[in-house]
Amino acid sequence: MDFILILKYLVLGLIQGLTEPIPISSSGHLQIVQHFFNIKTTSLTFEILVNTASLVAVLIIYRQDIYRLISNGLGYFKTKSPENTRDFKFILFLIVGTIPAGVIGVLFGDDIEALISDRIITVGITLIITGIALWLIRNLRGRKNDGDLNLKDAIIVGLAQAVALIPGISRSGATIVAAMGRGMKPETALRFSFLLYIPVSFGVMLLGIKDLINDPNLGELAVPYTVAFLASLIASYYALRWFMGIMARGNLKGFAIYCFVVGGGVALFSLL
């Protein structure tokens, strides 16, 4: 067994897991590490697995919210109580918010990837853009709860998620910035952001099943893939738990500064 290979996938899995929930771009960090440390994955299977691991972590953490939404959403067709109506509308807004990233990802995902592939300076620039967005909303304290959302909120947050298809633009950062910019409370913005992540991530997983099955390296890399999956799952779980505490305190300034430093450093080194 190649220990170095396993270690490589362990590191990449940890990076995916640690950076997926927090607003510093997991895709951007994976590109940075693979570029500067010359460690490459051989297929889409790795990306599918580590993203699925992050999805599992989100499902575990938000399991009670998911159960409530499903229960009350279905209950709406029987009893239009305030709770059922609120959660039914919330589900509809999640569906609406999923559409932009789903459509753009299916139609233009490969073009976006080809446009910026191997151009690490793009990641540096987009990290700086993420930092600017986080800085602009660092002091916002909205008032909107789950029941106060409207169609415009869902569309704007959904468009922000679509923009995050560009590596370096954080998905959680873009959606949280948009949500808080629309006046949502930090906890509402965070919940909407990660419940919005679930259908998109499921879509990526389903679209990638064919690549997973046809991966010629699946047998050879079974152990490294498993290590990466578990590392991403555990890291995603604890990173999201930690970030929930950060959001409760409303302190996003540190993430903005981090994006400025890393983005600026990557952009500078890519020009040398």
Protein backbone atom coordinates (compact mmCIF):
# COMPACT_ATOMS: atom_id res chain seq x y z
CA MET A 1 0.00 0.00 0.00
CA ASP A 2 1.39 3.41 -1.03
CA PHE A 3 1.49 5.42 2.21
CA ILE A 4 2.29 8.67 0.39
CA LEU A 5 -0.74 8.22 -1.85
CA ILE A 6 -3.01 7.65 1.14
CA LEU A 7 -1.53 10.68 2.89
CA LYS A 8 -2.20 12.80 -0.21
CA TYR A 9 -5.86 11.85 -0.29
CA LEU A 10 -6.12 12.30 3.48
CA VAL A 11 -4.85 15.88 3.16
CA LEU A 12 -7.17 16.67 0.25
CA GLY A 13 -10.13 15.16 2.08
CA LEU A 14 -9.38 17.22 5.17
CA ILE A 15 -9.05 20.39 3.11
CA GLN A 16 -12.39 19.76 1.42
CA GLY A 17 -14.08 19.03 4.73
CA LEU A 18 -12.60 21.95 6.62
CA THR A 19 -13.26 24.53 3.91
CA GLU A 20 -16.65 23.43 2.53
CA PRO A 21 -18.81 24.74 5.40
CA ILE A 22 -16.91 27.96 6.04
CA PRO A 23 -16.85 30.93 3.62
CA ILE A 24 -13.35 30.53 2.18
CA SER A 25 -14.08 28.28 -0.86
CA SER A 26 -13.33 24.56 -0.74
CA SER A 27 -12.85 24.32 -4.52
CA GLY A 28 -10.43 27.22 -4.47
CA HIS A 29 -8.36 25.69 -1.67
CA LEU A 30 -8.24 22.31 -3.40
CA GLN A 31 -6.92 24.00 -6.54
CA ILE A 32 -4.33 25.93 -4.54
CA VAL A 33 -3.03 22.81 -2.78
CA GLN A 34 -2.97 20.75 -5.97
CA HIS A 35 -1.18 23.53 -7.85
CA PHE A 36 1.53 24.53 -5.39
CA PHE A 37 2.17 21.09 -3.91
CA ASN A 38 1.84 19.27 -7.24
CA ILE A 39 -0.67 16.71 -6.01
CA LYS A 40 -3.35 15.84 -8.51
CA THR A 41 -6.38 13.60 -8.43
CA THR A 42 -6.94 11.44 -11.47
CA SER A 43 -10.69 11.69 -12.02
CA LEU A 44 -13.97 13.23 -10.95
CA THR A 45 -14.53 10.37 -8.52
CA PHE A 46 -12.54 12.13 -5.80
CA GLU A 47 -14.60 15.32 -6.07
CA ILE A 48 -17.84 13.33 -6.01
CA LEU A 49 -16.80 11.38 -2.92
CA VAL A 50 -15.58 14.30 -0.82
CA ASN A 51 -18.58 16.45 -1.75
CA THR A 52 -20.87 13.57 -0.82
CA ALA A 53 -19.07 13.29 2.52
CA SER A 54 -19.71 16.98 3.18
CA LEU A 55 -23.35 16.43 2.22
CA VAL A 56 -23.67 13.62 4.76
CA ALA A 57 -22.27 15.90 7.46
CA VAL A 58 -24.80 18.62 6.59
CA LEU A 59 -27.64 16.07 6.64
CA ILE A 60 -26.60 14.90 10.11
CA ILE A 61 -26.38 18.41 11.55
CA TYR A 62 -29.61 19.68 10.01
CA ARG A 63 -31.56 16.41 10.37
CA GLN A 64 -34.13 17.92 12.75
CA ASP A 65 -34.78 20.87 10.43
CA ILE A 66 -35.09 18.51 7.47
CA TYR A 67 -37.53 16.27 9.33
CA ARG A 68 -39.61 19.27 10.42
CA LEU A 69 -39.71 20.71 6.91
CA ILE A 70 -40.78 17.40 5.37
CA SER A 71 -43.37 16.72 8.06
CA ASN A 72 -44.88 20.21 8.04
CA GLY A 73 -44.53 20.55 4.28
CA LEU A 74 -46.58 17.41 3.71
CA GLY A 75 -48.93 18.41 6.52
CA TYR A 76 -49.70 21.64 4.65
CA PHE A 77 -51.84 19.68 2.19
CA LYS A 78 -53.97 18.48 5.10
CA THR A 79 -53.91 21.39 7.55
CA LYS A 80 -52.83 24.88 6.57
CA SER A 81 -51.65 25.84 10.05
CA PRO A 82 -49.17 28.73 10.44
CA GLU A 83 -46.29 26.27 11.03
CA ASN A 84 -47.19 24.12 8.03
CA THR A 85 -47.64 27.16 5.80
CA ARG A 86 -44.31 28.65 6.90
CA ASP A 87 -42.38 25.46 6.23
CA PHE A 88 -44.19 24.72 2.96
CA LYS A 89 -43.20 28.17 1.67
CA PHE A 90 -39.66 27.64 2.92
CA ILE A 91 -39.45 24.44 0.86
CA LEU A 92 -40.72 26.26 -2.22
CA PHE A 93 -38.09 28.96 -1.72
CA LEU A 94 -35.40 26.29 -1.44
CA ILE A 95 -36.57 24.81 -4.75
CA VAL A 96 -36.52 28.23 -6.40
CA GLY A 97 -33.07 28.96 -4.96
CA THR A 98 -31.70 25.70 -6.33
CA ILE A 99 -32.71 26.38 -9.94
CA PRO A 100 -30.03 28.96 -10.97
CA ALA A 101 -27.03 26.85 -9.92
CA GLY A 102 -28.66 23.69 -11.29
CA VAL A 103 -29.36 25.17 -14.71
CA ILE A 104 -26.04 27.00 -15.06
CA GLY A 105 -24.09 24.03 -13.74
CA VAL A 106 -25.66 21.61 -16.23
CA LEU A 107 -25.44 23.97 -19.22
CA PHE A 108 -22.14 25.74 -18.61
CA GLY A 109 -20.31 23.83 -15.86
CA ASP A 110 -17.70 22.35 -18.21
CA ASP A 111 -17.15 25.72 -19.91
CA ILE A 112 -16.60 27.44 -16.56
CA GLU A 113 -14.13 24.75 -15.53
CA ALA A 114 -12.26 24.91 -18.85
CA LEU A 115 -12.08 28.69 -18.69
CA ILE A 116 -10.25 28.77 -15.38
CA SER A 117 -8.52 25.42 -15.26
CA ASP A 118 -4.82 25.67 -14.43
CA ARG A 119 -5.15 29.43 -13.98
CA ILE A 120 -4.40 29.68 -10.30
CA ILE A 121 -4.39 33.48 -10.42
CA THR A 122 -8.15 33.29 -11.01
CA VAL A 123 -8.57 31.56 -7.66
CA GLY A 124 -6.51 34.26 -5.98
CA ILE A 125 -8.65 37.01 -7.48
CA THR A 126 -11.94 35.31 -6.66
CA LEU A 127 -10.83 34.72 -3.07
CA ILE A 128 -10.18 38.45 -2.77
CA ILE A 129 -13.68 39.09 -4.17
CA THR A 130 -15.10 36.68 -1.57
CA GLY A 131 -13.21 38.59 1.13
CA ILE A 132 -14.63 41.92 -0.05
CA ALA A 133 -18.17 40.54 0.02
CA LEU A 134 -17.70 39.18 3.53
CA TRP A 135 -16.24 42.47 4.71
CA LEU A 136 -19.20 44.43 3.38
CA ILE A 137 -21.73 42.43 5.42
CA ARG A 138 -19.58 41.91 8.52
CA ASN A 139 -21.75 44.19 10.70
CA LEU A 140 -25.19 43.33 9.31
CA ARG A 141 -27.76 41.96 11.75
CA GLY A 142 -30.96 41.24 9.88
CA ARG A 143 -34.41 40.58 11.31
CA LYS A 144 -35.90 38.05 8.89
CA ASN A 145 -36.75 34.61 10.26
CA ASP A 146 -37.73 31.55 8.21
CA GLY A 147 -41.32 32.73 7.94
CA ASP A 148 -40.36 36.18 6.68
CA LEU A 149 -38.64 35.08 3.47
CA ASN A 150 -40.06 35.89 0.05
CA LEU A 151 -39.56 34.88 -3.57
CA LYS A 152 -37.07 37.67 -4.26
CA ASP A 153 -34.91 36.48 -1.35
CA ALA A 154 -34.83 32.96 -2.79
CA ILE A 155 -33.95 34.15 -6.29
CA ILE A 156 -31.12 36.42 -5.14
CA VAL A 157 -29.57 33.79 -2.85
CA GLY A 158 -29.98 31.21 -5.63
CA LEU A 159 -28.15 33.46 -8.09
CA ALA A 160 -25.38 33.92 -5.53
CA GLN A 161 -25.02 30.15 -5.29
CA ALA A 162 -24.74 29.99 -9.08
CA VAL A 163 -21.90 32.55 -9.03
CA ALA A 164 -20.09 30.26 -6.59
CA LEU A 165 -19.64 27.69 -9.39
CA ILE A 166 -16.45 29.67 -10.04
CA PRO A 167 -13.61 28.22 -7.91
CA GLY A 168 -12.50 30.74 -5.32
CA ILE A 169 -16.01 32.12 -4.87
CA SER A 170 -17.18 30.43 -1.69
CA ARG A 171 -20.62 28.81 -1.98
CA SER A 172 -21.42 29.26 1.68
CA GLY A 173 -19.89 32.74 1.61
CA ALA A 174 -21.82 33.87 -1.47
CA THR A 175 -25.17 32.57 -0.21
CA ILE A 176 -24.70 33.89 3.32
CA VAL A 177 -23.63 37.30 2.02
CA ALA A 178 -26.68 37.43 -0.24
CA ALA A 179 -29.00 36.20 2.52
CA MET A 180 -27.73 38.67 5.09
CA GLY A 181 -27.78 41.40 2.48
CA ARG A 182 -31.50 40.63 2.12
CA GLY A 183 -31.99 41.17 5.84
CA MET A 184 -31.95 37.62 7.17
CA LYS A 185 -30.77 36.92 10.69
CA PRO A 186 -27.38 35.15 10.74
CA GLU A 187 -28.89 31.85 11.90
CA THR A 188 -31.61 32.04 9.23
CA ALA A 189 -29.04 32.89 6.55
CA LEU A 190 -26.87 29.95 7.62
CA ARG A 191 -29.76 27.49 7.70
CA PHE A 192 -31.08 28.60 4.30
CA SER A 193 -27.57 28.41 2.84
CA PHE A 194 -26.92 24.85 3.92
CA LEU A 195 -30.41 23.53 3.25
CA LEU A 196 -29.91 25.02 -0.22
CA TYR A 197 -26.63 23.08 -0.47
CA ILE A 198 -28.41 19.75 -0.06
CA PRO A 199 -30.29 19.52 -3.39
CA VAL A 200 -27.34 20.93 -5.35
CA SER A 201 -24.97 18.44 -3.76
CA PHE A 202 -27.43 15.60 -4.39
CA GLY A 203 -27.55 16.68 -8.02
CA VAL A 204 -23.76 16.62 -8.31
CA MET A 205 -23.72 13.17 -6.73
CA LEU A 206 -26.37 11.78 -9.08
CA LEU A 207 -24.73 13.26 -12.17
CA GLY A 208 -21.41 11.81 -11.07
CA ILE A 209 -22.57 8.23 -10.47
CA LYS A 210 -21.65 7.27 -14.04
CA ASP A 211 -18.13 8.65 -13.59
CA LEU A 212 -17.83 6.82 -10.29
CA ILE A 213 -18.90 3.47 -11.76
CA ASN A 214 -16.67 3.86 -14.82
CA ASP A 215 -13.62 5.06 -12.93
CA PRO A 216 -10.81 2.70 -14.03
CA ASN A 217 -8.87 3.46 -10.84
CA LEU A 218 -11.72 2.69 -8.45
CA GLY A 219 -10.34 -0.66 -7.33
CA GLU A 220 -6.75 0.52 -7.05
CA LEU A 221 -7.69 3.68 -5.16
CA ALA A 222 -10.41 2.18 -2.95
CA VAL A 223 -8.44 2.73 0.26
CA PRO A 224 -7.27 6.30 -0.54
CA TYR A 225 -10.82 7.19 -1.64
CA THR A 226 -12.24 5.78 1.59
CA VAL A 227 -9.70 7.72 3.65
CA ALA A 228 -10.57 10.95 1.78
CA PHE A 229 -14.31 10.34 2.26
CA LEU A 230 -14.02 9.77 6.00
CA ALA A 231 -11.65 12.71 6.44
CA SER A 232 -14.00 15.01 4.57
CA LEU A 233 -17.04 13.76 6.51
CA ILE A 234 -15.47 14.27 9.94
CA ALA A 235 -13.84 17.58 9.06
CA SER A 236 -17.06 18.92 7.47
CA TYR A 237 -19.08 18.01 10.55
CA TYR A 238 -16.81 19.77 13.03
CA ALA A 239 -16.09 22.72 10.74
CA LEU A 240 -19.82 23.38 10.30
CA ARG A 241 -20.46 23.04 14.04
CA TRP A 242 -17.67 25.56 14.67
CA PHE A 243 -18.96 27.91 11.98
CA MET A 244 -22.46 27.83 13.47
CA GLY A 245 -20.96 29.25 16.66
CA ILE A 246 -19.13 31.93 14.69
CA MET A 247 -22.35 32.93 12.93
CA ALA A 248 -24.20 33.07 16.25
CA ARG A 249 -21.65 35.66 17.39
CA GLY A 250 -21.84 37.43 14.02
CA ASN A 251 -18.09 37.66 13.48
CA LEU A 252 -17.19 37.21 9.79
CA LYS A 253 -14.36 39.74 9.75
CA GLY A 254 -11.72 37.05 10.31
CA PHE A 255 -12.82 35.11 7.23
CA ALA A 256 -12.67 38.26 5.10
CA ILE A 257 -9.11 38.97 6.26
CA TYR A 258 -8.13 35.35 5.62
CA CYS A 259 -9.45 35.56 2.04
CA PHE A 260 -7.52 38.80 1.48
CA VAL A 261 -4.27 37.26 2.72
CA VAL A 262 -4.54 33.92 0.94
CA GLY A 263 -6.05 35.37 -2.25
CA GLY A 264 -3.45 38.11 -2.41
CA GLY A 265 -0.62 35.68 -1.73
CA VAL A 266 -1.80 33.25 -4.41
CA ALA A 267 -2.23 36.02 -6.96
CA LEU A 268 1.24 37.40 -6.17
CA PHE A 269 3.05 34.06 -6.33
CA SER A 270 1.29 33.12 -9.57
CA LEU A 271 2.77 36.24 -11.20
CA LEU A 272 6.35 35.54 -10.07
